[in-house]
Every structure is written in structure tokens, then in C-alpha cells.
Amino acid sequence: MRRRRAAVGLVAVVAVAVGVGVARARDGDVPSPVAAVRAVVAPEGDGGERCSVPVLTQDWTAGTLHLDVRSVATGDPLGGVRADEPASTGSTLKLLTAAAAVESLGPDATFATRVVRGDDPGTVVVVGGGDPTLSRLPTGQESVYPDAPHLDALAEQVLAARAADPDLARVPITTLQVDASLFGGPVWLDDWSDSARTSGSVPHITALMVDGDRDDPTEAYSRRSDAAVTRAATALAPLLGRTVSVDAELVVADADAEVLGEVRSAPVSTLVAHLLTNSDNALAEALGRHVALSEGVVGAAGGGEAGAGTGAGAGGAGAGASFGDVRAGVASALRGLDLPGEGVVLADASGLSAADALPASTLTSLLLEVARREGDLGVVDDGLAVAGRTGTLAEDGRFVDEHPEAVGAIRGKTGTLDDMVGLAAIAEPDDGRTVAFTIWAEDLDPAVTSTDDARRQVDALAADLLACGAGVNG
């Protein structure tokens, strides 16, 4: 049962804010974080001068600091710097997408890829179900996605179903058609750099793809193609017969077409865990669209692009969930969590866009619910990367070398863009006074501070927040 508290405006603000950019300082000056500190009295006891926000941030040089720290026990704010000012999120935005997926779809939901009977006996139609984990690797070989379904298992079902049908048993499959209409609109956000595709960060967002459209299904950061649907269809065709050709024109299958085969993704709980631990952009965008469909907001908020682009490399032939729908869908799914809505701008579901913006206080408020494992949000908590142990918080010896005391005691979601580095996390000190916090280093000038240097400062501040726990004070 999904709990629903009174809504406070996240939906309305997101809808109004669609397409609005974020003003960013570009003058090269590094503002003093102390001047912008929000004075807050710590309700759980004074952590002393060493745990005051001005002291904790006095050596900060990594661009513009945004900080929000809250007590998990009480929910009270303990201290902050620009905590209520919207800023770019990077992949920390995926926390919103993951929570929305759990809230709207439920942890046990799966996504089906089907093959159905076509209009003539020699034709079948593969219907994309918005599952980027579908794999072209043989069953038994694992891709980057755990428990992914496989094309060969789907093809085996199709051939068995046709062999058992007296009308089709002696009719070879000659044509494979494709229905990718579940996702509509552009397959690529205009302000995403094409290097994000070629470097392996994100594919074209389509309802049918295999292995997240990676060149190498076993490498997380493997180049993506410019024709995700075509790659998937051409991988399936030879499994159905040596002479099967792929129809270049996308179609929309009849709703009552006979299903010849079906494979399903791992449950949302597994997908969310991989999404958060490994910061997978393809999963984030797919889940964002499924949330929009589940919330019934398709076409309601900037989704008018639906239907654009119907070539074999495009997203679909119908009017499915689009980037515009994601904005309204995520907001609708999180309505019951009473998150602060002012200043929220969602351009995508992954955080790749520099136009994505939130106040740090909004993200920390969500983390409070996650840390308390409210409802099904324990699924999100379980998926967070753990300092020094898993995912993006364990890469290149992170925390292990410089802050070993934080290993295993901080869990969260990282975020990185060209000019920002962030961490939204939960810190559990030994005394049990757990805190949730969001740290963003914004407006980085690479001539002054690299993202690596900024990440080190973020980690150092996170370790200090762990040491202080709920003793942090304004």
C-alpha cells in the first residue's frame, strides 16, 4: 500500500519550471561559503565549534558550495550553505528517479519484451517493452546487467509456438517488424553532448534496445550506437531463421495480436539497485518513462514531441512516454513524500543535463525518507553505493586511502558534470546519531579546481559530517 501525505507543490513547480535553465556564476570568483551559511540550531546537542558549518567549510575552495545536513532521527535541519538555492545535480538526481520508480511501479514490477504474430503468416513483430537490459548475449553469459533476459530465450519461445501451431508449423519466418512505440518523442536531449553516447555514458532512449545499446555488453562504459532499435532487431532476426529480414519501417502491433514469446526484465528492485550503485543512465531514463506511463501523465507536460523520429534508429512510431512526460511523472509519483518543490527543474531522469536543478534541501529531504526506509523506499536505501565498498563510492580506492573511517559508514549517490561534483548520502556514526546530507561543488573552473580535486574536498567534508553526526550545527 502506497502512503500519500498532503502534496506541497513539487508537481506544480516542476510543470512550471520545464525548460527553465539555471543561472550559474562564471566570473571565476570563488565565493565564501561562510557568508552564505544558514544559521540553524542543532536540536540534538551541540557538536562544539569543530562541528559548526563555518569551521567545517572554512578551507573549501572547490567552487560554489551547496550543503544541507539534517538529522535522520528528527528530520530537523542542522546546518547548511545555500541549501535552498537550486543548483545542477549531476547524477544525484537519480535518487528522485529511483524513488519515483519504487513509489509508482512497486519493487516487484518487471518489463516485458514480446514477439507477436504479424499480419501475414511469415511475419512476426517484436514489441519493445522499455527494457534496456535485454541482452543479445547467449543465455548463461552475463552482461553488465544482473539477471537480464536474453534474445535467444525469446527466439526459442517464438519458434516453439509456431511449431506447435498447425497453421504456422510449415511456414518459415521471413520478416521481422519492430514496434518501439512505448517511448515517444526525441531519442536524445538537445543539451546532452554527443560524446556522452560515444564515450558510453548513455544511449539513444528507445523502447527496444539490447545491452543498453553497448558495443560490448560486458563493459559499462562502452560506446553506444546511433541506431539502438536497429542493433536490437538485427540481433534477433538470425535467431528466428537464417533468411529473416528486418523491416526498416517501424509499426504499431495490434493490441490483441497473438503473443508468440515473452521475456521479462529483473524486478524494479534489482534495476534500481544497479541504477544507483553504478549510476546507469540508460536505466534511469527508461525507469523515468515507465513512471510517466504508470502515473498517466503521458503528453501532459511538454510531451508534445511524441511521435517525432520514426526511422530505424529512432525511438518509436507512437505517442509514448517522452522527456517531457518524465518531468511530470516523477513529480506525480513523489507527491506523497511532501518534498519541497520550489526551484525544481527536471530536464531528464538521469541528471546528465546541466539544466536539471534542485535545492540541496529537496534531495536531503528525500534521503530522510530513504534512511527511515519508509514504505518501499528501503529498496532505494539498499541500492546506494557504499563508501569504499561498492559502486561509484569505491572507484579508484575512494575513501579507503584518505578517509578509512568512512568505509562502510557512508552510503549515497554521486554526481559529476564538467563543472560540478556532488554527493547525496546518509552517514551513520558509531553513536547512532545518523545524518543525511547533500554536498554539491558547483561552478568549477578547471583552471582552478579539477573534478578530481573537488571530489576529494567533497569526500573530506562527508567524512567530517560522519564524525560530527547530529552534532553538526549552523
Protein backbone atom coordinates (compact mmCIF):
# COMPACT_ATOMS: atom_id res chain seq x y z
CA MET A 1 0.00 0.00 0.00
CA ARG A 2 1.44 3.35 -1.01
CA ARG A 3 1.15 6.06 1.61
CA ARG A 4 0.03 9.50 0.49
CA ARG A 5 0.52 12.63 2.56
CA ALA A 6 -0.67 16.09 1.62
CA ALA A 7 1.02 17.39 -1.51
CA VAL A 8 3.01 20.59 -1.18
CA GLY A 9 3.76 21.66 -4.72
CA LEU A 10 6.50 19.59 -6.32
CA VAL A 11 4.23 18.75 -9.25
CA ALA A 12 3.15 22.31 -9.89
CA VAL A 13 6.64 23.72 -9.65
CA VAL A 14 8.14 21.10 -11.95
CA ALA A 15 5.46 21.73 -14.57
CA VAL A 16 6.05 25.48 -14.47
CA ALA A 17 9.81 25.07 -14.49
CA VAL A 18 10.04 22.87 -17.60
CA GLY A 19 12.76 24.16 -19.86
CA VAL A 20 14.00 26.79 -17.41
CA GLY A 21 17.77 26.92 -17.10
CA VAL A 22 19.85 27.63 -14.01
CA ALA A 23 21.82 30.80 -13.62
CA ARG A 24 25.43 29.88 -12.99
CA ALA A 25 28.30 32.10 -11.81
CA ARG A 26 31.02 32.28 -14.45
CA ASP A 27 33.19 35.15 -13.26
CA GLY A 28 35.87 32.87 -11.84
CA ASP A 29 35.48 34.20 -8.29
CA VAL A 30 35.20 31.61 -5.55
CA PRO A 31 32.53 32.88 -3.13
CA SER A 32 32.99 32.45 0.59
CA PRO A 33 30.71 29.68 1.85
CA VAL A 34 30.75 31.11 5.35
CA ALA A 35 28.99 34.28 4.21
CA ALA A 36 26.05 32.24 2.96
CA VAL A 37 25.76 29.88 5.95
CA ARG A 38 22.19 29.38 7.13
CA ALA A 39 22.28 29.54 10.93
CA VAL A 40 20.44 26.57 12.40
CA VAL A 41 20.50 25.39 16.00
CA ALA A 42 21.29 21.70 16.34
CA PRO A 43 18.38 20.11 18.23
CA GLU A 44 20.26 17.04 19.38
CA GLY A 45 23.11 18.69 21.18
CA ASP A 46 25.95 20.99 20.31
CA GLY A 47 28.73 19.32 18.39
CA GLY A 48 31.11 22.03 19.53
CA GLU A 49 32.93 24.60 17.45
CA ARG A 50 34.67 21.91 15.45
CA CYS A 51 31.28 20.75 14.12
CA SER A 52 29.97 24.18 13.19
CA VAL A 53 29.35 24.64 9.48
CA PRO A 54 31.69 27.66 9.22
CA VAL A 55 34.54 25.62 10.69
CA LEU A 56 33.78 22.53 8.61
CA THR A 57 33.79 24.58 5.41
CA GLN A 58 36.49 27.16 6.17
CA ASP A 59 39.03 25.54 3.83
CA TRP A 60 36.58 24.95 0.98
CA THR A 61 37.97 26.03 -2.41
CA ALA A 62 36.04 23.78 -4.80
CA GLY A 63 33.81 26.34 -6.50
CA THR A 64 30.45 27.28 -5.06
CA LEU A 65 29.38 25.11 -2.13
CA HIS A 66 25.81 23.95 -1.64
CA LEU A 67 25.31 22.00 1.58
CA ASP A 68 22.32 20.70 3.50
CA VAL A 69 22.60 18.49 6.62
CA ARG A 70 19.64 17.00 8.53
CA SER A 71 19.08 14.70 11.47
CA VAL A 72 17.54 11.41 10.43
CA ALA A 73 16.01 10.93 13.89
CA THR A 74 14.13 14.22 13.96
CA GLY A 75 14.20 15.48 10.38
CA ASP A 76 15.45 18.83 11.63
CA PRO A 77 17.97 20.82 9.58
CA LEU A 78 21.32 21.04 11.34
CA GLY A 79 23.12 23.47 9.07
CA GLY A 80 23.59 24.45 5.50
CA VAL A 81 25.16 26.62 2.86
CA ARG A 82 22.87 27.79 0.04
CA ALA A 83 20.71 24.81 0.98
CA ASP A 84 17.58 26.27 -0.56
CA GLU A 85 19.15 27.63 -3.75
CA PRO A 86 18.60 25.46 -6.87
CA ALA A 87 21.75 24.10 -8.48
CA SER A 88 22.82 21.49 -11.01
CA THR A 89 22.53 17.98 -9.62
CA GLY A 90 24.53 15.68 -11.85
CA SER A 91 23.63 12.06 -11.19
CA THR A 92 22.45 12.75 -7.65
CA LEU A 93 19.14 13.41 -9.46
CA LYS A 94 18.85 9.64 -9.95
CA LEU A 95 17.69 9.44 -6.33
CA LEU A 96 14.45 11.12 -7.38
CA THR A 97 14.03 8.78 -10.35
CA ALA A 98 14.74 5.68 -8.28
CA ALA A 99 12.33 6.72 -5.52
CA ALA A 100 9.66 7.56 -8.10
CA ALA A 101 10.06 4.12 -9.71
CA VAL A 102 9.65 2.33 -6.39
CA GLU A 103 6.71 4.50 -5.34
CA SER A 104 4.85 4.31 -8.65
CA LEU A 105 5.74 0.90 -10.11
CA GLY A 106 6.49 -1.07 -6.96
CA PRO A 107 9.63 -3.11 -6.30
CA ASP A 108 8.30 -6.27 -7.98
CA ALA A 109 7.30 -4.79 -11.35
CA THR A 110 9.02 -6.16 -14.49
CA PHE A 111 9.08 -5.06 -18.13
CA ALA A 112 8.21 -7.44 -20.95
CA THR A 113 9.68 -7.73 -24.43
CA ARG A 114 7.30 -9.68 -26.66
CA VAL A 115 7.15 -11.15 -30.13
CA VAL A 116 3.66 -11.29 -31.60
CA ARG A 117 2.13 -12.65 -34.77
CA GLY A 118 2.21 -10.29 -37.73
CA ASP A 119 -0.41 -9.54 -40.39
CA ASP A 120 0.77 -12.38 -42.62
CA PRO A 121 1.98 -15.89 -41.70
CA GLY A 122 5.63 -15.22 -42.46
CA THR A 123 5.83 -12.03 -40.35
CA VAL A 124 6.41 -11.55 -36.65
CA VAL A 125 6.65 -8.30 -34.68
CA VAL A 126 8.99 -7.65 -31.76
CA VAL A 127 7.39 -5.22 -29.32
CA GLY A 128 9.83 -3.26 -27.19
CA GLY A 129 8.83 -3.05 -23.56
CA GLY A 130 11.29 -0.39 -22.48
CA ASP A 131 13.80 -2.82 -21.02
CA PRO A 132 17.37 -1.62 -21.71
CA THR A 133 18.78 -4.73 -20.01
CA LEU A 134 17.55 -7.18 -22.69
CA SER A 135 20.72 -8.95 -23.83
CA ARG A 136 21.98 -10.30 -27.12
CA LEU A 137 24.50 -12.47 -25.28
CA PRO A 138 23.69 -16.21 -25.19
CA THR A 139 21.75 -17.38 -22.17
CA GLY A 140 24.24 -18.19 -19.44
CA GLN A 141 26.54 -15.28 -20.27
CA GLU A 142 26.07 -12.18 -18.11
CA SER A 143 26.09 -8.63 -19.42
CA VAL A 144 26.64 -5.59 -17.21
CA TYR A 145 23.05 -6.04 -16.03
CA PRO A 146 22.32 -8.73 -13.43
CA ASP A 147 19.57 -11.24 -14.21
CA ALA A 148 18.88 -9.77 -17.64
CA PRO A 149 16.58 -11.55 -20.13
CA HIS A 150 18.09 -12.85 -23.38
CA LEU A 151 17.12 -12.68 -27.03
CA ASP A 152 17.89 -16.35 -27.64
CA ALA A 153 15.34 -17.37 -25.00
CA LEU A 154 12.77 -15.14 -26.67
CA ALA A 155 13.51 -16.60 -30.11
CA GLU A 156 13.29 -20.15 -28.75
CA GLN A 157 9.79 -19.46 -27.43
CA VAL A 158 8.69 -17.98 -30.77
CA LEU A 159 9.93 -20.93 -32.78
CA ALA A 160 8.34 -23.40 -30.37
CA ALA A 161 5.00 -21.59 -30.50
CA ARG A 162 4.98 -21.59 -34.28
CA ALA A 163 5.99 -25.24 -34.45
CA ALA A 164 3.02 -26.10 -32.24
CA ASP A 165 0.58 -24.17 -34.44
CA PRO A 166 -0.71 -26.26 -37.40
CA ASP A 167 -1.21 -23.10 -39.47
CA LEU A 168 2.36 -21.88 -38.94
CA ALA A 169 4.42 -25.01 -38.41
CA ARG A 170 5.47 -25.28 -42.06
CA VAL A 171 5.69 -21.53 -42.71
CA PRO A 172 9.17 -20.05 -42.24
CA ILE A 173 9.56 -16.60 -40.74
CA THR A 174 10.67 -14.22 -43.48
CA THR A 175 10.16 -10.76 -41.96
CA LEU A 176 10.73 -9.22 -38.55
CA GLN A 177 8.88 -5.99 -37.87
CA VAL A 178 9.54 -3.70 -34.92
CA ASP A 179 7.17 -1.86 -32.58
CA ALA A 180 9.11 0.60 -30.42
CA SER A 181 6.19 2.93 -29.77
CA LEU A 182 6.12 2.63 -25.98
CA PHE A 183 8.59 5.52 -25.77
CA GLY A 184 7.87 8.51 -27.97
CA GLY A 185 9.49 11.80 -28.81
CA PRO A 186 13.15 12.56 -29.44
CA VAL A 187 15.62 9.82 -28.54
CA TRP A 188 18.22 12.36 -27.43
CA LEU A 189 18.05 15.50 -25.29
CA ASP A 190 19.39 18.53 -27.14
CA ASP A 191 21.74 19.62 -24.36
CA TRP A 192 23.34 16.20 -23.97
CA SER A 193 26.74 16.16 -25.60
CA ASP A 194 27.13 13.51 -28.30
CA SER A 195 30.31 12.48 -26.51
CA ALA A 196 28.07 11.07 -23.79
CA ARG A 197 26.97 8.47 -26.35
CA THR A 198 30.34 7.78 -27.94
CA SER A 199 32.09 7.53 -24.56
CA GLY A 200 29.48 5.08 -23.34
CA SER A 201 27.56 7.15 -20.80
CA VAL A 202 24.08 6.93 -22.33
CA PRO A 203 22.35 5.50 -25.44
CA HIS A 204 19.59 6.89 -27.57
CA ILE A 205 16.49 6.36 -25.44
CA THR A 206 14.31 3.81 -27.22
CA ALA A 207 11.75 1.24 -26.11
CA LEU A 208 13.73 -1.54 -27.80
CA MET A 209 17.44 -1.93 -27.29
CA VAL A 210 19.87 -4.63 -26.22
CA ASP A 211 22.53 -4.34 -23.53
CA GLY A 212 21.85 -0.65 -23.09
CA ASP A 213 22.95 -0.41 -26.76
CA ARG A 214 26.60 -1.01 -25.82
CA ASP A 215 29.15 -2.15 -28.38
CA ASP A 216 30.46 -4.51 -25.69
CA PRO A 217 27.65 -5.87 -23.47
CA THR A 218 30.13 -6.64 -20.68
CA GLU A 219 31.66 -3.16 -20.38
CA ALA A 220 29.73 -0.47 -18.51
CA TYR A 221 31.30 2.39 -20.45
CA SER A 222 31.23 1.01 -23.97
CA ARG A 223 30.38 3.13 -27.00
CA ARG A 224 26.68 3.33 -27.89
CA SER A 225 25.40 3.36 -31.47
CA ASP A 226 23.24 5.88 -33.31
CA ALA A 227 20.62 3.21 -34.15
CA ALA A 228 19.68 1.34 -30.99
CA VAL A 229 16.49 -0.18 -32.41
CA THR A 230 18.28 -1.47 -35.50
CA ARG A 231 21.00 -3.10 -33.40
CA ALA A 232 18.39 -4.97 -31.35
CA ALA A 233 16.32 -6.08 -34.32
CA THR A 234 19.30 -7.28 -36.33
CA ALA A 235 20.49 -9.28 -33.32
CA LEU A 236 17.12 -11.02 -33.01
CA ALA A 237 16.46 -11.72 -36.70
CA PRO A 238 19.04 -14.51 -37.29
CA LEU A 239 17.86 -16.28 -34.14
CA LEU A 240 14.46 -16.65 -35.82
CA GLY A 241 15.83 -18.04 -39.08
CA ARG A 242 18.78 -17.68 -41.41
CA THR A 243 16.86 -15.73 -44.05
CA VAL A 244 14.80 -13.43 -41.80
CA SER A 245 15.00 -9.78 -42.85
CA VAL A 246 14.23 -6.73 -40.71
CA ASP A 247 11.57 -4.31 -41.96
CA ALA A 248 13.05 -0.80 -41.77
CA GLU A 249 9.66 0.81 -41.18
CA LEU A 250 8.52 0.80 -37.57
CA VAL A 251 4.99 -0.39 -36.88
CA VAL A 252 2.48 -0.46 -34.05
CA ALA A 253 1.36 -4.02 -33.32
CA ASP A 254 -2.30 -4.85 -32.88
CA ALA A 255 -3.20 -4.80 -29.20
CA ASP A 256 -4.81 -8.23 -29.49
CA ALA A 257 -2.07 -9.83 -31.60
CA GLU A 258 -1.19 -13.38 -30.58
CA VAL A 259 1.85 -13.47 -28.32
CA LEU A 260 4.42 -15.99 -29.51
CA GLY A 261 7.09 -15.31 -26.91
CA GLU A 262 7.86 -13.07 -23.96
CA VAL A 263 10.84 -12.39 -21.71
CA ARG A 264 10.85 -10.11 -18.69
CA SER A 265 13.38 -7.90 -17.00
CA ALA A 266 14.61 -8.33 -13.48
CA PRO A 267 12.27 -6.65 -10.96
CA VAL A 268 12.39 -2.92 -10.33
CA SER A 269 14.17 -3.55 -7.03
CA THR A 270 17.11 -5.09 -8.91
CA LEU A 271 17.07 -2.41 -11.59
CA VAL A 272 17.04 0.38 -9.01
CA ALA A 273 19.96 -1.19 -7.15
CA HIS A 274 22.06 -1.32 -10.32
CA LEU A 275 20.95 2.16 -11.35
CA LEU A 276 22.06 3.73 -8.08
CA THR A 277 25.17 1.73 -7.29
CA ASN A 278 26.59 2.07 -10.79
CA SER A 279 24.91 5.31 -11.90
CA ASP A 280 23.43 3.76 -15.04
CA ASN A 281 21.90 6.45 -17.27
CA ALA A 282 20.02 4.11 -19.61
CA LEU A 283 18.17 2.55 -16.69
CA ALA A 284 17.39 5.95 -15.22
CA GLU A 285 15.85 7.23 -18.44
CA ALA A 286 13.88 4.02 -19.01
CA LEU A 287 12.52 3.98 -15.47
CA GLY A 288 11.58 7.64 -15.74
CA ARG A 289 9.44 6.86 -18.77
CA HIS A 290 7.81 3.86 -17.12
CA VAL A 291 6.91 6.10 -14.19
CA ALA A 292 5.28 8.58 -16.57
CA LEU A 293 3.23 5.78 -18.12
CA SER A 294 2.26 4.44 -14.70
CA GLU A 295 1.26 7.88 -13.44
CA GLY A 296 -0.87 8.52 -16.53
CA VAL A 297 0.83 11.80 -17.43
CA VAL A 298 1.93 10.96 -20.98
CA GLY A 299 1.56 14.08 -23.09
CA ALA A 300 0.64 16.17 -20.06
CA ALA A 301 3.83 18.18 -19.56
CA GLY A 302 5.82 19.01 -22.62
CA GLY A 303 5.22 15.59 -24.12
CA GLY A 304 4.05 17.06 -27.38
CA GLU A 305 7.24 15.88 -29.03
CA ALA A 306 5.85 12.36 -29.02
CA GLY A 307 5.86 10.73 -32.40
CA ALA A 308 8.89 12.61 -33.68
CA GLY A 309 11.51 10.50 -35.35
CA THR A 310 10.30 7.21 -36.83
CA GLY A 311 13.43 5.94 -38.54
CA ALA A 312 15.01 2.62 -37.59
CA GLY A 313 17.38 4.40 -35.24
CA ALA A 314 14.63 6.44 -33.60
CA GLY A 315 12.53 5.78 -30.59
CA GLY A 316 9.12 4.76 -31.82
CA ALA A 317 6.13 5.17 -34.08
CA GLY A 318 3.56 6.00 -31.44
CA ALA A 319 2.98 8.59 -28.74
CA GLY A 320 4.66 7.01 -25.75
CA ALA A 321 6.45 8.49 -22.79
CA SER A 322 8.97 11.21 -23.64
CA PHE A 323 11.42 13.54 -21.87
CA GLY A 324 8.58 15.96 -21.21
CA ASP A 325 6.47 13.25 -19.61
CA VAL A 326 9.29 12.22 -17.27
CA ARG A 327 9.16 15.61 -15.57
CA ALA A 328 5.50 15.30 -14.68
CA GLY A 329 5.68 11.57 -13.94
CA VAL A 330 8.47 11.75 -11.38
CA ALA A 331 6.82 14.70 -9.65
CA SER A 332 3.46 12.90 -9.55
CA ALA A 333 4.99 9.70 -8.16
CA LEU A 334 6.71 11.59 -5.34
CA ARG A 335 3.71 13.74 -4.45
CA GLY A 336 3.08 11.79 -1.26
CA LEU A 337 6.55 12.41 0.20
CA ASP A 338 6.00 16.10 0.98
CA LEU A 339 9.27 17.14 -0.65
CA PRO A 340 9.98 20.86 -1.03
CA GLY A 341 9.02 21.74 -4.60
CA GLU A 342 10.29 25.26 -5.12
CA GLY A 343 13.11 25.56 -7.62
CA VAL A 344 12.84 22.03 -9.01
CA VAL A 345 13.64 21.66 -12.73
CA LEU A 346 13.75 18.20 -14.30
CA ALA A 347 15.09 18.13 -17.85
CA ASP A 348 15.72 14.37 -17.82
CA ALA A 349 15.67 11.38 -15.49
CA SER A 350 19.41 10.75 -15.25
CA GLY A 351 20.91 14.10 -14.26
CA LEU A 352 23.02 14.36 -17.40
CA SER A 353 21.51 17.71 -18.33
CA ALA A 354 23.05 20.87 -16.93
CA ALA A 355 19.50 22.27 -16.86
CA ASP A 356 18.44 19.85 -14.12
CA ALA A 357 18.20 21.77 -10.86
CA LEU A 358 17.12 21.21 -7.28
CA PRO A 359 17.77 22.82 -3.94
CA ALA A 360 20.04 20.61 -1.85
CA SER A 361 17.33 20.65 0.83
CA THR A 362 14.92 18.84 -1.52
CA LEU A 363 17.31 15.97 -2.08
CA THR A 364 18.21 15.69 1.60
CA SER A 365 14.51 15.62 2.50
CA LEU A 366 14.13 12.60 0.23
CA LEU A 367 17.14 10.93 1.84
CA LEU A 368 15.47 11.26 5.24
CA GLU A 369 12.61 9.09 3.97
CA VAL A 370 15.07 6.67 2.41
CA ALA A 371 17.15 6.39 5.59
CA ARG A 372 13.99 5.63 7.56
CA ARG A 373 13.07 3.02 4.93
CA GLU A 374 9.57 4.42 4.66
CA GLY A 375 7.24 2.13 2.71
CA ASP A 376 9.18 0.56 -0.14
CA LEU A 377 11.95 3.17 -0.02
CA GLY A 378 14.19 0.63 1.68
CA VAL A 379 14.77 -0.59 -1.88
CA VAL A 380 16.43 2.75 -2.63
CA ASP A 381 18.48 2.57 0.56
CA ASP A 382 19.68 -0.92 -0.35
CA GLY A 383 20.81 0.33 -3.77
CA LEU A 384 23.01 3.16 -2.55
CA ALA A 385 26.72 2.84 -3.20
CA VAL A 386 28.72 2.26 -0.02
CA ALA A 387 31.90 4.20 0.70
CA GLY A 388 34.99 2.14 -0.02
CA ARG A 389 32.97 -0.97 -0.85
CA THR A 390 30.58 -0.72 -3.79
CA GLY A 391 29.86 1.18 -6.97
CA THR A 392 30.86 4.77 -7.58
CA LEU A 393 31.86 5.24 -3.92
CA ALA A 394 34.51 2.55 -4.24
CA GLU A 395 36.11 3.52 -7.54
CA ASP A 396 39.86 4.14 -7.52
CA GLY A 397 40.17 3.48 -3.79
CA ARG A 398 37.70 6.21 -2.91
CA PHE A 399 37.55 6.77 0.87
CA VAL A 400 39.77 3.74 1.53
CA ASP A 401 43.02 5.64 1.14
CA GLU A 402 42.22 9.09 2.59
CA HIS A 403 39.21 8.53 4.87
CA PRO A 404 39.21 4.89 6.01
CA GLU A 405 36.97 5.78 8.95
CA ALA A 406 34.15 6.40 6.44
CA VAL A 407 34.39 2.99 4.77
CA GLY A 408 31.07 1.23 5.22
CA ALA A 409 29.66 4.13 7.25
CA ILE A 410 28.55 6.40 4.38
CA ARG A 411 26.20 5.34 1.61
CA GLY A 412 24.82 7.54 -1.12
CA LYS A 413 24.62 8.70 -4.72
CA THR A 414 27.38 10.54 -6.50
CA GLY A 415 27.08 13.09 -9.28
CA THR A 416 29.57 14.61 -11.71
CA LEU A 417 29.30 17.05 -14.61
CA ASP A 418 32.04 19.04 -16.30
CA ASP A 419 31.66 21.84 -13.76
CA MET A 420 30.18 20.17 -10.69
CA VAL A 421 30.76 17.29 -8.31
CA GLY A 422 28.26 16.11 -5.74
CA LEU A 423 27.35 13.54 -3.12
CA ALA A 424 23.95 12.99 -1.54
CA ALA A 425 24.34 10.48 1.26
CA ILE A 426 23.50 9.01 4.64
CA ALA A 427 26.20 8.90 7.31
CA GLU A 428 25.90 6.59 10.32
CA PRO A 429 28.39 7.44 13.08
CA ASP A 430 29.08 4.95 15.86
CA ASP A 431 26.92 6.88 18.33
CA GLY A 432 23.86 6.31 16.15
CA ARG A 433 23.13 9.98 15.50
CA THR A 434 22.65 9.44 11.78
CA VAL A 435 22.57 12.37 9.36
CA ALA A 436 21.52 12.78 5.77
CA PHE A 437 23.30 15.38 3.69
CA THR A 438 23.75 16.79 0.21
CA ILE A 439 27.04 18.35 -0.90
CA TRP A 440 27.46 20.00 -4.30
CA ALA A 441 30.61 21.69 -5.57
CA GLU A 442 29.26 23.94 -8.34
CA ASP A 443 30.69 26.29 -10.96
CA LEU A 444 34.04 24.54 -11.08
CA ASP A 445 36.70 26.26 -13.13
CA PRO A 446 39.04 23.53 -14.43
CA ALA A 447 41.89 26.04 -14.45
CA VAL A 448 41.45 26.39 -10.69
CA THR A 449 39.97 23.10 -9.45
CA SER A 450 39.67 19.80 -11.33
CA THR A 451 36.74 17.49 -10.73
CA ASP A 452 39.15 15.08 -9.03
CA ASP A 453 40.26 17.77 -6.58
CA ALA A 454 36.65 18.80 -5.99
CA ARG A 455 35.72 15.18 -5.31
CA ARG A 456 38.46 14.97 -2.69
CA GLN A 457 37.03 18.04 -0.94
CA VAL A 458 33.51 16.61 -1.11
CA ASP A 459 34.74 13.35 0.42
CA ALA A 460 36.65 15.18 3.16
CA LEU A 461 33.56 17.18 4.10
CA ALA A 462 31.45 13.99 4.05
CA ALA A 463 33.94 12.33 6.43
CA ASP A 464 33.72 15.35 8.74
CA LEU A 465 29.92 15.15 8.72
CA LEU A 466 30.19 11.48 9.66
CA ALA A 467 32.48 12.34 12.56
CA CYS A 468 30.10 15.04 13.81
CA GLY A 469 26.86 13.20 13.15
CA ALA A 470 23.86 15.06 14.52
CA GLY A 471 26.27 17.33 16.37
CA VAL A 472 26.63 19.41 13.21
CA ASN A 473 25.40 22.94 13.87
CA GLY A 474 24.94 26.15 11.93
